[in-house]
């Protein structure tokens, strides 16, 4: 008898936890989801710009002396493949509309 009470309490506790989690996700989506997505997009653009400035010689655009590039190399190696793919991605003029104020 005592075992069933405990399992019922645990089931109720689990359901309440699931409802609270769902409400938290809804609140997150209604309030800051767009902001977080925009911040992540800006972070990606800044990271691509940083890699272009430091390792532009990979695509024929030498900007920084190699000494500084070699010092930064261990931090940038994980992002190089992603950076190359983002540079080679075909872009449309509609990709630029988010940069224009009042559009979108």
C-alpha atoms as a PDB file:
ATOM      1  CA  UNK A   1       0.000   0.000   0.000  1.00  0.00           C
ATOM      2  CA  UNK A   2       2.771   2.415   0.886  1.00  0.00           C
ATOM      3  CA  UNK A   3       4.622   1.607  -2.331  1.00  0.00           C
ATOM      4  CA  UNK A   4       1.668   2.725  -4.485  1.00  0.00           C
ATOM      5  CA  UNK A   5       1.408   6.055  -2.686  1.00  0.00           C
ATOM      6  CA  UNK A   6       5.059   6.734  -3.346  1.00  0.00           C
ATOM      7  CA  UNK A   7       4.729   5.852  -7.025  1.00  0.00           C
ATOM      8  CA  UNK A   8       1.613   8.020  -7.374  1.00  0.00           C
ATOM      9  CA  UNK A   9       3.442  10.924  -5.730  1.00  0.00           C
ATOM     10  CA  UNK A  10       6.407  10.426  -8.048  1.00  0.00           C
ATOM     11  CA  UNK A  11       4.087  10.319 -11.068  1.00  0.00           C
ATOM     12  CA  UNK A  12       2.424  13.556  -9.972  1.00  0.00           C
ATOM     13  CA  UNK A  13       5.815  15.139  -9.323  1.00  0.00           C
ATOM     14  CA  UNK A  14       7.003  14.051 -12.792  1.00  0.00           C
ATOM     15  CA  UNK A  15       3.872  15.468 -14.466  1.00  0.00           C
ATOM     16  CA  UNK A  16       4.265  18.770 -12.622  1.00  0.00           C
ATOM     17  CA  UNK A  17       7.917  18.885 -13.681  1.00  0.00           C
ATOM     18  CA  UNK A  18       6.961  18.259 -17.310  1.00  0.00           C
ATOM     19  CA  UNK A  19       4.305  20.990 -17.206  1.00  0.00           C
ATOM     20  CA  UNK A  20       6.756  23.449 -15.627  1.00  0.00           C
ATOM     21  CA  UNK A  21       9.356  22.600 -18.268  1.00  0.00           C
ATOM     22  CA  UNK A  22       6.813  23.095 -21.069  1.00  0.00           C
ATOM     23  CA  UNK A  23       5.694  26.437 -19.583  1.00  0.00           C
ATOM     24  CA  UNK A  24       9.316  27.523 -19.296  1.00  0.00           C
ATOM     25  CA  UNK A  25       9.942  26.669 -22.950  1.00  0.00           C
ATOM     26  CA  UNK A  26       6.826  28.581 -24.005  1.00  0.00           C
ATOM     27  CA  UNK A  27       7.887  31.600 -21.937  1.00  0.00           C
ATOM     28  CA  UNK A  28      11.394  31.420 -23.436  1.00  0.00           C
ATOM     29  CA  UNK A  29       9.953  31.279 -26.945  1.00  0.00           C
ATOM     30  CA  UNK A  30       7.650  34.228 -26.322  1.00  0.00           C
ATOM     31  CA  UNK A  31      10.245  36.470 -24.728  1.00  0.00           C
ATOM     32  CA  UNK A  32      13.889  36.062 -25.737  1.00  0.00           C
ATOM     33  CA  UNK A  33      14.075  33.417 -28.481  1.00  0.00           C
ATOM     34  CA  UNK A  34      14.443  35.973 -31.301  1.00  0.00           C
ATOM     35  CA  UNK A  35      17.033  37.900 -29.324  1.00  0.00           C
ATOM     36  CA  UNK A  36      19.113  34.777 -28.659  1.00  0.00           C
ATOM     37  CA  UNK A  37      18.908  33.757 -32.319  1.00  0.00           C
ATOM     38  CA  UNK A  38      20.056  37.228 -33.417  1.00  0.00           C
ATOM     39  CA  UNK A  39      22.941  37.220 -30.942  1.00  0.00           C
ATOM     40  CA  UNK A  40      24.064  33.798 -32.179  1.00  0.00           C
ATOM     41  CA  UNK A  41      23.897  34.988 -35.784  1.00  0.00           C
ATOM     42  CA  UNK A  42      25.975  38.082 -34.947  1.00  0.00           C
ATOM     43  CA  UNK A  43      28.483  35.936 -33.060  1.00  0.00           C
ATOM     44  CA  UNK A  44      28.864  33.735 -36.133  1.00  0.00           C
ATOM     45  CA  UNK A  45      29.409  36.759 -38.374  1.00  0.00           C
ATOM     46  CA  UNK A  46      32.018  38.191 -36.010  1.00  0.00           C
ATOM     47  CA  UNK A  47      33.754  34.814 -35.799  1.00  0.00           C
ATOM     48  CA  UNK A  48      33.861  34.536 -39.605  1.00  0.00           C
ATOM     49  CA  UNK A  49      35.278  38.060 -39.833  1.00  0.00           C
ATOM     50  CA  UNK A  50      37.907  37.275 -37.204  1.00  0.00           C
ATOM     51  CA  UNK A  51      39.008  34.135 -39.040  1.00  0.00           C
ATOM     52  CA  UNK A  52      39.083  36.041 -42.336  1.00  0.00           C
ATOM     53  CA  UNK A  53      41.308  38.713 -40.830  1.00  0.00           C
ATOM     54  CA  UNK A  54      43.676  36.254 -39.171  1.00  0.00           C
ATOM     55  CA  UNK A  55      43.715  33.448 -41.743  1.00  0.00           C
ATOM     56  CA  UNK A  56      42.840  35.306 -44.916  1.00  0.00           C
ATOM     57  CA  UNK A  57      46.010  34.015 -46.525  1.00  0.00           C
ATOM     58  CA  UNK A  58      44.234  30.649 -46.890  1.00  0.00           C
ATOM     59  CA  UNK A  59      41.996  32.297 -49.486  1.00  0.00           C
ATOM     60  CA  UNK A  60      44.623  34.711 -50.831  1.00  0.00           C
ATOM     61  CA  UNK A  61      44.004  37.726 -48.578  1.00  0.00           C
ATOM     62  CA  UNK A  62      47.046  38.241 -46.312  1.00  0.00           C
ATOM     63  CA  UNK A  63      46.295  40.840 -43.654  1.00  0.00           C
ATOM     64  CA  UNK A  64      48.146  39.945 -40.430  1.00  0.00           C
ATOM     65  CA  UNK A  65      51.796  38.913 -40.223  1.00  0.00           C
ATOM     66  CA  UNK A  66      52.280  35.140 -39.900  1.00  0.00           C
ATOM     67  CA  UNK A  67      53.698  35.386 -36.359  1.00  0.00           C
ATOM     68  CA  UNK A  68      50.371  36.514 -34.904  1.00  0.00           C
ATOM     69  CA  UNK A  69      48.508  34.060 -37.085  1.00  0.00           C
ATOM     70  CA  UNK A  70      50.564  31.174 -35.727  1.00  0.00           C
ATOM     71  CA  UNK A  71      49.937  32.271 -32.150  1.00  0.00           C
ATOM     72  CA  UNK A  72      46.173  32.226 -32.767  1.00  0.00           C
ATOM     73  CA  UNK A  73      46.175  28.971 -34.741  1.00  0.00           C
ATOM     74  CA  UNK A  74      45.342  26.579 -31.834  1.00  0.00           C
ATOM     75  CA  UNK A  75      42.208  28.583 -31.012  1.00  0.00           C
ATOM     76  CA  UNK A  76      40.943  28.788 -34.578  1.00  0.00           C
ATOM     77  CA  UNK A  77      41.631  25.275 -35.921  1.00  0.00           C
ATOM     78  CA  UNK A  78      38.203  23.903 -34.869  1.00  0.00           C
ATOM     79  CA  UNK A  79      36.418  26.698 -36.760  1.00  0.00           C
ATOM     80  CA  UNK A  80      38.368  26.597 -40.046  1.00  0.00           C
ATOM     81  CA  UNK A  81      36.194  24.030 -41.847  1.00  0.00           C
ATOM     82  CA  UNK A  82      33.001  25.832 -40.814  1.00  0.00           C
ATOM     83  CA  UNK A  83      34.520  29.124 -41.944  1.00  0.00           C
ATOM     84  CA  UNK A  84      35.463  27.765 -45.364  1.00  0.00           C
ATOM     85  CA  UNK A  85      31.947  26.399 -45.861  1.00  0.00           C
ATOM     86  CA  UNK A  86      30.399  29.726 -44.865  1.00  0.00           C
ATOM     87  CA  UNK A  87      32.627  31.589 -47.337  1.00  0.00           C
ATOM     88  CA  UNK A  88      31.723  29.226 -50.161  1.00  0.00           C
ATOM     89  CA  UNK A  89      27.990  29.254 -49.400  1.00  0.00           C
ATOM     90  CA  UNK A  90      25.987  30.826 -52.185  1.00  0.00           C
ATOM     91  CA  UNK A  91      24.248  33.948 -50.947  1.00  0.00           C
ATOM     92  CA  UNK A  92      21.205  35.692 -52.301  1.00  0.00           C
ATOM     93  CA  UNK A  93      20.442  39.402 -52.163  1.00  0.00           C
ATOM     94  CA  UNK A  94      17.585  38.580 -49.778  1.00  0.00           C
ATOM     95  CA  UNK A  95      20.181  37.506 -47.183  1.00  0.00           C
ATOM     96  CA  UNK A  96      21.150  41.165 -46.888  1.00  0.00           C
ATOM     97  CA  UNK A  97      17.640  42.400 -46.052  1.00  0.00           C
ATOM     98  CA  UNK A  98      18.150  41.677 -42.356  1.00  0.00           C
ATOM     99  CA  UNK A  99      21.036  44.155 -42.327  1.00  0.00           C
ATOM    100  CA  UNK A 100      18.845  47.000 -43.604  1.00  0.00           C
ATOM    101  CA  UNK A 101      16.943  48.845 -40.879  1.00  0.00           C
ATOM    102  CA  UNK A 102      13.175  48.715 -41.170  1.00  0.00           C
ATOM    103  CA  UNK A 103      13.106  45.658 -43.445  1.00  0.00           C
ATOM    104  CA  UNK A 104      12.063  42.267 -42.112  1.00  0.00           C
END
